[in-house]
Amino acid sequence: MSTTLLDIAGIAVSPDHYIGGRRVASAESFDLFSPIDQRPLGRISEGTAAHVDAAIRAAQQAFPAWSALTAAERKPYLDRFAEEIGKRADDFCRLESNDAGVLLSRMRHGVVPRAMLNITWFAQHALELQDRPIDTEQAHHIVRHDPAGVVAIITPWNAPLMLSTWKLGPALAAGNTCVLKPPEWAPLTCSLLADAAHAAGLPPGVFNVVQGTGANTGAKLVSDARIARVSFTGSVPTAKWIAQAAGANLVPCSLELGGKSPFIVLEDADIDNAAATGALMYRNAGQVCLAGTRFLVHEKVADQFIAAMRGYVERLTIGDPREEATEVGPIIHPRQVERVMGFIERAVAGGAEVLWGGARHPFGAQYVQPTMVTKLRQDDEIVQNEVFGPVLTLQTFGRDDEAIELANGTDYGLGGVCYGETGHATEVAQRVRTGFIWINSFGIRDLAAPFGGIKRSGVGREGGDWSFEFFCDIKDVVVPKKPFRASFSQR
């Protein structure tokens, strides 16, 4: 067991795995760097097949006792878990800002409160899922949500704390035990999450963390036949591999994947409000799957909209995400910077026009200017594929049917935004093929509502009952109303 802790901005955090209620070190490790200034943060334990096996065995051993508890008996554990997150709120904020480049202001005012709610809300909602009756003419049916078993959770680097708790909340509340594989580019808040779980008194093995790369640690985890469910948020190529690996064992997967969501601005839109919302798409340096990244603007208001949005973008504060005033921070990794810049350069080489931005930002090596690209064809790479950086595209349309055709003209279908007179915008939005769409707004989320995409944007839904239906085995206990007599002579 390692006794060495990393010191990140005065926060002591373990670089090791958390398995069966204790810290476990690895002989293998990998380097971690801050996206803000590329300074080394330390070396992180790399999970091997032995660590994955130990974590799954610990979760299996903990499962009988944890699953035997009622939802009401599990709730105090989970409420304390949320309380321990709250006690470490400032540490979580500063740690994820240093580790993943997430805005400190966003962590304080959005992410940490939401992480706590992810745990407590599902713990409460689980109380409503016990023994649902269905009464028919022939029988009484008792519909149960039984825990599925050991759950593998794999989260991405753009929101490790929020998305980990978003999955852990319903998985644990349903009575499952979990093995979490954090993102290798930003694992530290998941390590601190293990400390919170330990302090809350979660029984050993109920929650485990094994760090490492997707190709090594993640692959071993999702292909293990002892896993009952896989919940993944990340890229489409990785999801395809996970689905194949889990499919070999007939393990159900929940896959929340990329987005290339339309941001539709109709002729009757409040242009200033739409433009102000449009500037929010650069939040987290554009590393947000649900952002509206394809702007589809009515040709009659396009010039007005471009001028208004340009004004909001020019006022964005770009810099150190640890500063409260910063609105756009760094991109997570040098490889991702090269990927983002490659999209811009190839678009320009193909005849596209950059309305603003289009280059690296002088603040640092992993900063890219908020960018808008126009004069595009629908089949252009930058229109069709997720960039996952501060890069947006703009196309114009003349009729609603044309806007809808453009909106539906990619292989993605996660989210969307539509600005216009409410009735008109709602009518258009209902024809857009996507998992959800915001009318004259952005980012409104409720844990009771379904979240997820269609087409290449994912499989399944998270939130409310949808989360529990994935993390549970649904069982129908049938009690006949009349005495049943078996007879082979029945026709």
Protein backbone atom coordinates (compact mmCIF):
# COMPACT_ATOMS: atom_id res chain seq x y z
CA MET A 1 0.00 0.00 0.00
CA SER A 2 1.45 3.34 -1.07
CA THR A 3 1.91 6.05 1.51
CA THR A 4 2.91 8.71 -1.03
CA LEU A 5 0.34 11.41 -1.69
CA LEU A 6 0.44 13.98 -4.45
CA ASP A 7 0.33 17.65 -3.45
CA ILE A 8 -1.87 19.50 -5.93
CA ALA A 9 -2.30 23.17 -4.97
CA GLY A 10 -2.03 22.18 -1.33
CA ILE A 11 -4.49 19.28 -1.68
CA ALA A 12 -3.26 15.84 -0.69
CA VAL A 13 -4.59 13.23 -3.11
CA SER A 14 -3.66 9.60 -3.60
CA PRO A 15 -2.26 8.46 -6.97
CA ASP A 16 -3.25 4.87 -6.21
CA HIS A 17 -6.25 2.63 -6.76
CA TYR A 18 -8.99 2.16 -4.19
CA ILE A 19 -9.91 -1.52 -3.95
CA GLY A 20 -11.88 -3.26 -1.23
CA GLY A 21 -11.79 -0.23 1.05
CA ARG A 22 -8.03 0.39 0.93
CA ARG A 23 -5.44 2.06 -1.28
CA VAL A 24 -3.45 -0.23 -3.57
CA ALA A 25 -0.35 0.87 -5.49
CA SER A 26 0.96 -0.39 -8.84
CA ALA A 27 4.46 -1.12 -10.00
CA GLU A 28 3.40 0.45 -13.30
CA SER A 29 2.46 4.14 -13.49
CA PHE A 30 1.96 6.99 -15.95
CA ASP A 31 2.65 10.72 -15.90
CA LEU A 32 -0.07 13.31 -15.37
CA PHE A 33 0.24 16.93 -16.53
CA SER A 34 -1.92 20.00 -15.99
CA PRO A 35 -3.53 21.36 -19.18
CA ILE A 36 -3.10 24.91 -17.87
CA ASP A 37 0.68 25.12 -18.13
CA GLN A 38 1.84 21.54 -18.81
CA ARG A 39 3.46 21.26 -15.37
CA PRO A 40 3.81 17.67 -14.09
CA LEU A 41 1.28 16.74 -11.41
CA GLY A 42 2.80 13.36 -10.55
CA ARG A 43 2.70 9.73 -11.50
CA ILE A 44 -0.55 7.75 -11.35
CA SER A 45 -0.82 4.03 -10.65
CA GLU A 46 -1.64 2.04 -13.78
CA GLY A 47 -4.15 -0.74 -13.29
CA THR A 48 -3.08 -4.20 -14.45
CA ALA A 49 -5.15 -7.32 -14.98
CA ALA A 50 -4.46 -8.22 -11.34
CA HIS A 51 -5.86 -4.89 -10.11
CA VAL A 52 -8.97 -5.22 -12.25
CA ASP A 53 -9.46 -8.76 -10.98
CA ALA A 54 -9.02 -7.65 -7.35
CA ALA A 55 -11.53 -4.81 -7.78
CA ILE A 56 -14.15 -7.05 -9.36
CA ARG A 57 -13.64 -9.71 -6.67
CA ALA A 58 -13.99 -7.05 -3.95
CA ALA A 59 -17.21 -5.81 -5.57
CA GLN A 60 -18.52 -9.37 -5.86
CA GLN A 61 -17.81 -10.05 -2.21
CA ALA A 62 -19.56 -6.84 -1.15
CA PHE A 63 -22.58 -7.38 -3.37
CA PRO A 64 -24.63 -9.87 -1.31
CA ALA A 65 -24.75 -7.71 1.81
CA TRP A 66 -25.15 -4.38 -0.02
CA SER A 67 -27.87 -5.69 -2.35
CA ALA A 68 -29.72 -7.27 0.58
CA LEU A 69 -30.24 -3.86 2.16
CA THR A 70 -33.46 -2.05 1.36
CA ALA A 71 -33.32 1.26 -0.46
CA ALA A 72 -34.17 2.92 2.85
CA GLU A 73 -31.22 1.17 4.52
CA ARG A 74 -28.80 2.17 1.73
CA LYS A 75 -29.95 5.80 1.76
CA PRO A 76 -28.08 6.90 4.94
CA TYR A 77 -24.80 5.63 3.46
CA LEU A 78 -25.39 7.57 0.26
CA ASP A 79 -26.51 10.71 2.07
CA ARG A 80 -23.27 10.61 4.07
CA PHE A 81 -21.36 10.08 0.82
CA ALA A 82 -22.86 13.31 -0.53
CA GLU A 83 -22.09 15.10 2.74
CA GLU A 84 -18.45 14.05 2.52
CA ILE A 85 -18.28 15.42 -1.03
CA GLY A 86 -19.65 18.69 0.35
CA LYS A 87 -17.04 18.78 3.11
CA ARG A 88 -14.35 18.56 0.42
CA ALA A 89 -16.08 20.95 -1.97
CA ASP A 90 -13.19 23.41 -2.24
CA ASP A 91 -10.70 20.56 -2.74
CA PHE A 92 -12.81 19.05 -5.52
CA CYS A 93 -13.10 22.45 -7.21
CA ARG A 94 -9.41 23.28 -7.13
CA LEU A 95 -8.33 19.74 -7.95
CA GLU A 96 -10.44 19.37 -11.09
CA SER A 97 -9.49 22.87 -12.21
CA ASN A 98 -5.79 21.97 -11.98
CA ASP A 99 -6.20 18.43 -13.31
CA ALA A 100 -8.75 18.87 -16.11
CA GLY A 101 -8.72 22.63 -16.74
CA VAL A 102 -12.39 22.97 -15.79
CA LEU A 103 -13.41 26.50 -14.80
CA LEU A 104 -13.18 27.02 -11.05
CA SER A 105 -16.36 29.08 -11.15
CA ARG A 106 -18.21 26.26 -12.91
CA MET A 107 -16.97 23.75 -10.35
CA ARG A 108 -18.08 25.88 -7.41
CA HIS A 109 -21.45 26.97 -8.68
CA GLY A 110 -22.47 23.99 -10.80
CA VAL A 111 -20.46 20.79 -10.71
CA VAL A 112 -19.93 20.10 -7.00
CA PRO A 113 -23.53 20.91 -5.98
CA ARG A 114 -24.72 18.72 -8.85
CA ALA A 115 -22.36 15.89 -7.82
CA MET A 116 -23.88 15.89 -4.34
CA LEU A 117 -27.40 15.96 -5.80
CA ASN A 118 -26.56 13.05 -8.12
CA ILE A 119 -26.06 10.90 -5.02
CA THR A 120 -28.90 12.11 -2.79
CA TRP A 121 -31.57 12.40 -5.50
CA PHE A 122 -31.18 8.82 -6.70
CA ALA A 123 -30.97 7.54 -3.13
CA GLN A 124 -34.36 9.15 -2.49
CA HIS A 125 -35.85 8.10 -5.82
CA ALA A 126 -34.90 4.47 -5.18
CA LEU A 127 -37.45 4.44 -2.36
CA GLU A 128 -40.20 4.81 -4.95
CA LEU A 129 -39.12 1.77 -6.96
CA GLN A 130 -39.98 -0.95 -4.48
CA ASP A 131 -42.50 -3.63 -5.47
CA ARG A 132 -44.68 -1.84 -7.99
CA PRO A 133 -48.05 -3.63 -8.28
CA ILE A 134 -49.94 -4.32 -11.50
CA ASP A 135 -53.43 -5.73 -11.08
CA THR A 136 -55.02 -7.68 -13.93
CA GLU A 137 -58.06 -9.91 -14.26
CA GLN A 138 -55.98 -13.07 -13.88
CA ALA A 139 -53.29 -12.15 -11.38
CA HIS A 140 -51.53 -9.73 -9.09
CA HIS A 141 -48.14 -8.76 -10.54
CA ILE A 142 -45.36 -7.46 -8.32
CA VAL A 143 -42.70 -5.71 -10.42
CA ARG A 144 -39.33 -5.61 -8.72
CA HIS A 145 -36.15 -3.71 -9.54
CA ASP A 146 -33.44 -6.14 -8.41
CA PRO A 147 -29.76 -5.12 -8.35
CA ALA A 148 -27.91 -6.41 -11.40
CA GLY A 149 -24.51 -7.10 -9.80
CA VAL A 150 -21.09 -5.55 -10.36
CA VAL A 151 -21.21 -2.44 -12.54
CA ALA A 152 -18.30 -1.05 -14.58
CA ILE A 153 -18.33 2.73 -14.91
CA ILE A 154 -16.02 4.55 -17.34
CA THR A 155 -16.06 8.34 -17.42
CA PRO A 156 -14.47 10.97 -19.71
CA TRP A 157 -11.97 13.72 -18.99
CA ASN A 158 -14.21 16.72 -19.66
CA ALA A 159 -16.38 16.26 -16.53
CA PRO A 160 -14.96 13.42 -14.39
CA LEU A 161 -16.59 14.32 -11.05
CA MET A 162 -20.05 15.16 -12.36
CA LEU A 163 -20.31 12.20 -14.72
CA SER A 164 -18.93 9.70 -12.21
CA THR A 165 -21.53 10.67 -9.60
CA TRP A 166 -24.23 10.82 -12.30
CA LYS A 167 -23.68 7.08 -12.80
CA LEU A 168 -22.70 6.07 -9.27
CA GLY A 169 -25.86 7.60 -7.76
CA PRO A 170 -28.40 5.26 -9.37
CA ALA A 171 -26.03 2.27 -9.55
CA LEU A 172 -25.36 2.29 -5.81
CA ALA A 173 -28.89 3.30 -4.84
CA ALA A 174 -30.22 0.31 -6.79
CA GLY A 175 -28.01 -2.03 -4.74
CA ASN A 176 -25.18 -2.67 -7.19
CA THR A 177 -21.48 -2.53 -6.37
CA CYS A 178 -19.21 -0.56 -8.67
CA VAL A 179 -15.77 -0.43 -10.25
CA LEU A 180 -14.96 3.03 -11.60
CA LYS A 181 -12.26 3.57 -14.24
CA PRO A 182 -11.47 7.31 -14.31
CA PRO A 183 -10.12 9.14 -17.37
CA GLU A 184 -6.35 8.81 -17.59
CA TRP A 185 -5.96 12.49 -18.54
CA ALA A 186 -7.91 13.68 -15.46
CA PRO A 187 -8.20 11.01 -12.73
CA LEU A 188 -7.66 13.00 -9.55
CA THR A 189 -11.18 13.99 -8.52
CA CYS A 190 -12.24 10.36 -8.86
CA SER A 191 -9.46 9.47 -6.42
CA LEU A 192 -10.73 12.11 -4.00
CA LEU A 193 -14.21 10.67 -4.50
CA ALA A 194 -12.91 7.38 -3.09
CA ASP A 195 -11.75 9.24 0.01
CA ALA A 196 -15.24 10.69 0.42
CA ALA A 197 -16.82 7.25 0.06
CA HIS A 198 -14.41 5.79 2.61
CA ALA A 199 -15.12 8.59 5.10
CA ALA A 200 -18.86 8.06 4.60
CA GLY A 201 -18.50 4.46 5.73
CA LEU A 202 -19.47 2.73 2.48
CA PRO A 203 -18.68 -0.94 3.12
CA PRO A 204 -15.40 -2.17 1.58
CA GLY A 205 -15.85 -3.27 -2.01
CA VAL A 206 -19.09 -1.39 -2.64
CA PHE A 207 -17.18 1.32 -4.51
CA ASN A 208 -13.79 0.69 -6.12
CA VAL A 209 -11.53 2.84 -8.30
CA VAL A 210 -8.97 1.39 -10.71
CA GLN A 211 -6.94 3.95 -12.66
CA GLY A 212 -5.28 3.45 -16.00
CA THR A 213 -5.61 3.79 -19.75
CA GLY A 214 -8.63 2.73 -21.71
CA ALA A 215 -6.61 0.42 -23.95
CA ASN A 216 -5.19 -1.46 -20.97
CA THR A 217 -7.20 -1.11 -17.76
CA GLY A 218 -10.54 -0.22 -19.36
CA ALA A 219 -10.33 -3.05 -21.86
CA LYS A 220 -9.72 -5.62 -19.12
CA LEU A 221 -12.63 -4.27 -17.09
CA VAL A 222 -15.36 -4.25 -19.74
CA SER A 223 -14.43 -7.64 -21.21
CA ASP A 224 -14.66 -9.43 -17.85
CA ALA A 225 -17.57 -11.87 -17.72
CA ARG A 226 -18.24 -11.04 -14.06
CA ILE A 227 -19.41 -7.53 -14.97
CA ALA A 228 -23.22 -7.22 -15.06
CA ARG A 229 -23.50 -3.72 -16.59
CA VAL A 230 -21.21 -1.27 -18.39
CA SER A 231 -21.96 2.46 -18.25
CA PHE A 232 -19.73 4.55 -20.52
CA THR A 233 -19.53 8.19 -21.56
CA GLY A 234 -16.99 9.04 -24.24
CA SER A 235 -16.17 8.74 -27.91
CA VAL A 236 -17.91 6.72 -30.61
CA PRO A 237 -14.86 4.60 -31.58
CA THR A 238 -14.27 3.59 -27.96
CA ALA A 239 -17.97 2.83 -27.48
CA LYS A 240 -17.95 0.49 -30.49
CA TRP A 241 -15.07 -1.46 -28.99
CA ILE A 242 -16.74 -1.58 -25.56
CA ALA A 243 -20.02 -2.79 -27.07
CA GLN A 244 -18.19 -5.60 -28.88
CA ALA A 245 -16.23 -6.64 -25.79
CA ALA A 246 -19.28 -6.55 -23.51
CA GLY A 247 -21.43 -8.16 -26.17
CA ALA A 248 -19.27 -11.27 -26.09
CA ASN A 249 -20.64 -11.78 -22.56
CA LEU A 250 -24.14 -10.45 -23.38
CA VAL A 251 -23.60 -7.58 -20.93
CA PRO A 252 -25.97 -4.60 -21.39
CA CYS A 253 -24.26 -1.27 -22.09
CA SER A 254 -25.37 2.32 -21.57
CA LEU A 255 -23.42 4.51 -24.01
CA GLU A 256 -23.59 8.31 -23.88
CA LEU A 257 -21.47 9.47 -26.79
CA GLY A 258 -20.61 12.46 -28.88
CA GLY A 259 -22.69 15.30 -30.16
CA LYS A 260 -22.84 17.49 -33.23
CA SER A 261 -25.93 19.30 -32.09
CA PRO A 262 -27.71 22.00 -34.10
CA PHE A 263 -28.23 25.52 -32.73
CA ILE A 264 -31.15 26.80 -34.80
CA VAL A 265 -31.90 30.54 -34.99
CA LEU A 266 -35.26 31.19 -36.65
CA GLU A 267 -36.30 34.43 -38.32
CA ASP A 268 -38.51 35.36 -35.35
CA ALA A 269 -35.86 34.67 -32.71
CA ASP A 270 -34.72 37.10 -30.03
CA ILE A 271 -31.38 37.64 -31.74
CA ASP A 272 -29.52 39.18 -28.82
CA ASN A 273 -30.61 36.42 -26.44
CA ALA A 274 -29.72 33.73 -28.99
CA ALA A 275 -26.29 35.31 -29.53
CA ALA A 276 -25.60 35.49 -25.79
CA THR A 277 -26.53 31.83 -25.45
CA GLY A 278 -24.40 31.01 -28.47
CA ALA A 279 -21.32 32.35 -26.71
CA LEU A 280 -21.92 29.82 -23.92
CA MET A 281 -21.02 27.06 -26.39
CA TYR A 282 -17.36 27.97 -25.80
CA ARG A 283 -17.68 27.06 -22.11
CA ASN A 284 -15.12 24.46 -20.98
CA ALA A 285 -13.20 25.33 -24.17
CA GLY A 286 -15.97 23.68 -26.19
CA GLN A 287 -15.33 20.31 -24.55
CA VAL A 288 -19.02 19.73 -23.84
CA CYS A 289 -20.87 16.93 -25.63
CA LEU A 290 -24.29 18.56 -25.35
CA ALA A 291 -23.25 21.96 -26.75
CA GLY A 292 -24.93 23.27 -29.88
CA THR A 293 -21.95 23.39 -32.22
CA ARG A 294 -23.64 23.69 -35.65
CA PHE A 295 -25.29 27.11 -35.96
CA LEU A 296 -28.14 27.11 -38.46
CA VAL A 297 -29.30 30.71 -38.88
CA HIS A 298 -32.12 32.11 -41.02
CA GLU A 299 -30.59 34.03 -43.91
CA LYS A 300 -32.65 37.17 -43.16
CA VAL A 301 -31.16 37.55 -39.67
CA ALA A 302 -27.71 36.01 -40.27
CA ASP A 303 -25.77 39.28 -40.44
CA GLN A 304 -27.51 40.62 -37.35
CA PHE A 305 -26.87 37.40 -35.45
CA ILE A 306 -23.20 37.21 -36.45
CA ALA A 307 -22.60 40.81 -35.34
CA ALA A 308 -24.35 40.22 -32.01
CA MET A 309 -22.56 36.96 -31.25
CA ARG A 310 -19.20 38.41 -32.27
CA GLY A 311 -19.73 41.10 -29.65
CA TYR A 312 -20.34 38.54 -26.91
CA VAL A 313 -17.38 36.40 -27.98
CA GLU A 314 -15.01 39.37 -27.99
CA ARG A 315 -15.89 40.00 -24.35
CA LEU A 316 -15.08 36.44 -23.23
CA THR A 317 -12.26 36.19 -20.69
CA ILE A 318 -9.75 33.57 -21.78
CA GLY A 319 -7.11 32.42 -19.34
CA ASP A 320 -6.32 30.46 -16.21
CA PRO A 321 -9.40 28.41 -15.20
CA ARG A 322 -8.40 28.80 -11.54
CA GLU A 323 -9.30 32.48 -11.77
CA GLU A 324 -12.96 33.17 -10.93
CA ALA A 325 -13.38 35.58 -13.87
CA THR A 326 -12.12 33.18 -16.54
CA GLU A 327 -14.77 32.00 -19.00
CA VAL A 328 -12.71 29.92 -21.47
CA GLY A 329 -9.83 27.74 -20.30
CA PRO A 330 -7.45 25.22 -21.88
CA ILE A 331 -7.91 22.12 -23.96
CA ILE A 332 -7.18 18.96 -22.00
CA HIS A 333 -4.14 17.52 -23.83
CA PRO A 334 -1.65 18.39 -26.59
CA ARG A 335 -3.06 15.60 -28.76
CA GLN A 336 -6.52 17.14 -28.50
CA VAL A 337 -5.11 20.58 -29.40
CA GLU A 338 -3.60 19.13 -32.57
CA ARG A 339 -6.88 17.43 -33.39
CA VAL A 340 -8.86 20.68 -32.98
CA MET A 341 -6.40 22.74 -35.02
CA GLY A 342 -6.42 20.07 -37.72
CA PHE A 343 -10.18 20.50 -38.19
CA ILE A 344 -9.78 24.27 -38.64
CA GLU A 345 -6.84 24.02 -41.01
CA ARG A 346 -8.48 21.43 -43.24
CA ALA A 347 -11.72 23.42 -43.38
CA VAL A 348 -9.88 26.58 -44.46
CA ALA A 349 -7.89 24.63 -47.04
CA GLY A 350 -11.22 23.40 -48.42
CA GLY A 351 -12.58 26.92 -48.90
CA ALA A 352 -14.23 27.70 -45.56
CA GLU A 353 -14.10 31.17 -44.03
CA VAL A 354 -13.18 31.89 -40.42
CA LEU A 355 -15.48 34.56 -38.98
CA TRP A 356 -13.43 34.86 -35.78
CA GLY A 357 -10.67 32.96 -34.05
CA GLY A 358 -9.08 30.17 -36.03
CA ALA A 359 -5.71 30.08 -34.30
CA ARG A 360 -3.99 29.08 -31.08
CA HIS A 361 -4.44 31.56 -28.24
CA PRO A 362 -1.30 33.23 -26.85
CA PHE A 363 -2.24 32.51 -23.23
CA GLY A 364 -0.73 29.03 -23.37
CA ALA A 365 0.23 26.00 -25.44
CA GLN A 366 -3.11 24.26 -24.90
CA TYR A 367 -5.35 27.24 -25.62
CA VAL A 368 -7.28 27.73 -28.86
CA GLN A 369 -9.19 30.89 -29.76
CA PRO A 370 -12.99 30.67 -29.75
CA THR A 371 -13.65 30.03 -33.43
CA MET A 372 -16.56 30.27 -35.86
CA VAL A 373 -16.26 28.81 -39.38
CA THR A 374 -18.71 29.43 -42.25
CA LYS A 375 -19.08 28.97 -46.03
CA LEU A 376 -19.37 25.23 -45.58
CA ARG A 377 -20.93 22.30 -47.38
CA GLN A 378 -23.09 19.86 -45.45
CA ASP A 379 -20.70 17.00 -46.17
CA ASP A 380 -17.63 18.88 -44.92
CA GLU A 381 -15.70 17.06 -42.22
CA ILE A 382 -16.04 19.94 -39.76
CA VAL A 383 -19.83 19.87 -40.15
CA GLN A 384 -20.16 16.12 -39.87
CA ASN A 385 -17.69 15.19 -37.12
CA GLU A 386 -17.36 16.18 -33.48
CA VAL A 387 -14.45 18.58 -32.93
CA PHE A 388 -14.67 18.77 -29.12
CA GLY A 389 -12.97 22.12 -28.85
CA PRO A 390 -13.91 25.82 -29.06
CA VAL A 391 -14.88 25.53 -32.73
CA LEU A 392 -18.38 26.18 -34.10
CA THR A 393 -19.78 26.18 -37.63
CA LEU A 394 -22.41 28.45 -39.19
CA GLN A 395 -24.73 27.71 -42.10
CA THR A 396 -27.78 29.64 -43.28
CA PHE A 397 -31.24 28.53 -44.41
CA GLY A 398 -34.30 30.14 -45.95
CA ARG A 399 -37.15 27.81 -44.97
CA ASP A 400 -37.97 25.72 -41.92
CA ASP A 401 -37.80 22.53 -43.97
CA GLU A 402 -34.25 23.43 -44.99
CA ALA A 403 -33.24 24.08 -41.36
CA ILE A 404 -34.64 20.72 -40.30
CA GLU A 405 -32.88 18.94 -43.16
CA LEU A 406 -29.57 20.52 -42.15
CA ALA A 407 -30.19 19.78 -38.46
CA ASN A 408 -30.87 16.11 -39.19
CA GLY A 409 -28.06 15.84 -41.72
CA THR A 410 -25.38 14.20 -39.56
CA ASP A 411 -24.93 10.77 -37.98
CA TYR A 412 -25.27 12.32 -34.50
CA GLY A 413 -28.39 13.01 -32.49
CA LEU A 414 -27.60 14.03 -28.93
CA GLY A 415 -29.05 17.49 -28.24
CA GLY A 416 -30.03 20.75 -29.79
CA VAL A 417 -31.07 24.36 -29.28
CA CYS A 418 -33.83 26.25 -31.09
CA TYR A 419 -34.46 29.99 -30.78
CA GLY A 420 -37.62 31.59 -32.14
CA GLU A 421 -41.16 32.48 -31.15
CA THR A 422 -42.02 29.75 -28.65
CA GLY A 423 -44.74 28.03 -30.66
CA HIS A 424 -42.75 28.21 -33.88
CA ALA A 425 -39.52 27.00 -32.22
CA THR A 426 -41.33 24.11 -30.55
CA GLU A 427 -42.87 23.06 -33.86
CA VAL A 428 -39.46 23.03 -35.54
CA ALA A 429 -37.79 21.30 -32.58
CA GLN A 430 -40.28 18.44 -32.67
CA ARG A 431 -39.04 17.57 -36.15
CA VAL A 432 -35.35 17.50 -35.21
CA ARG A 433 -34.08 13.96 -34.63
CA THR A 434 -32.28 14.18 -31.32
CA GLY A 435 -32.43 12.90 -27.75
CA PHE A 436 -33.40 16.30 -26.33
CA ILE A 437 -33.66 19.91 -27.48
CA TRP A 438 -33.88 23.20 -25.60
CA ILE A 439 -36.32 25.90 -26.66
CA ASN A 440 -34.99 29.46 -26.19
CA SER A 441 -32.63 28.17 -23.47
CA PHE A 442 -29.63 25.96 -22.86
CA GLY A 443 -28.38 23.54 -20.23
CA ILE A 444 -31.59 23.03 -18.27
CA ARG A 445 -31.28 19.58 -16.72
CA ASP A 446 -33.46 17.70 -14.27
CA LEU A 447 -32.49 14.36 -12.79
CA ALA A 448 -36.02 13.05 -13.25
CA ALA A 449 -35.87 13.56 -17.03
CA PRO A 450 -34.24 11.24 -19.58
CA PHE A 451 -30.84 12.13 -21.00
CA GLY A 452 -29.17 10.48 -23.97
CA GLY A 453 -28.93 10.50 -27.73
CA ILE A 454 -29.89 8.66 -30.88
CA LYS A 455 -27.90 7.44 -33.87
CA ARG A 456 -24.14 7.68 -33.14
CA SER A 457 -24.79 9.76 -30.04
CA GLY A 458 -25.53 6.77 -27.91
CA VAL A 459 -27.62 3.89 -26.67
CA GLY A 460 -29.98 4.12 -23.71
CA ARG A 461 -31.09 6.88 -21.37
CA GLU A 462 -29.84 8.13 -18.03
CA GLY A 463 -31.93 9.90 -15.40
CA GLY A 464 -35.03 9.10 -13.35
CA ASP A 465 -36.55 5.68 -13.83
CA TRP A 466 -34.48 5.18 -16.98
CA SER A 467 -31.29 4.91 -14.91
CA PHE A 468 -32.82 2.33 -12.60
CA GLU A 469 -34.19 0.28 -15.48
CA PHE A 470 -30.65 -0.01 -16.81
CA PHE A 471 -28.92 -0.72 -13.51
CA CYS A 472 -31.56 -3.23 -12.37
CA ASP A 473 -32.88 -6.62 -13.39
CA ILE A 474 -36.63 -6.18 -13.76
CA LYS A 475 -38.56 -9.12 -12.30
CA ASP A 476 -42.30 -9.82 -12.45
CA VAL A 477 -43.61 -11.89 -9.52
CA VAL A 478 -46.99 -13.28 -10.62
CA VAL A 479 -49.60 -14.31 -8.04
CA PRO A 480 -52.76 -15.81 -9.65
CA LYS A 481 -56.14 -14.70 -8.34
CA LYS A 482 -57.69 -18.14 -8.79
CA PRO A 483 -56.24 -21.57 -7.93
CA PHE A 484 -54.13 -22.81 -10.82
CA ARG A 485 -54.30 -26.46 -11.87
CA ALA A 486 -51.91 -27.73 -14.52
CA SER A 487 -53.37 -30.07 -17.13
CA PHE A 488 -51.73 -31.57 -20.20
CA SER A 489 -55.19 -32.03 -21.70
CA GLN A 490 -55.76 -28.29 -21.95
CA ARG A 491 -56.22 -27.14 -25.52
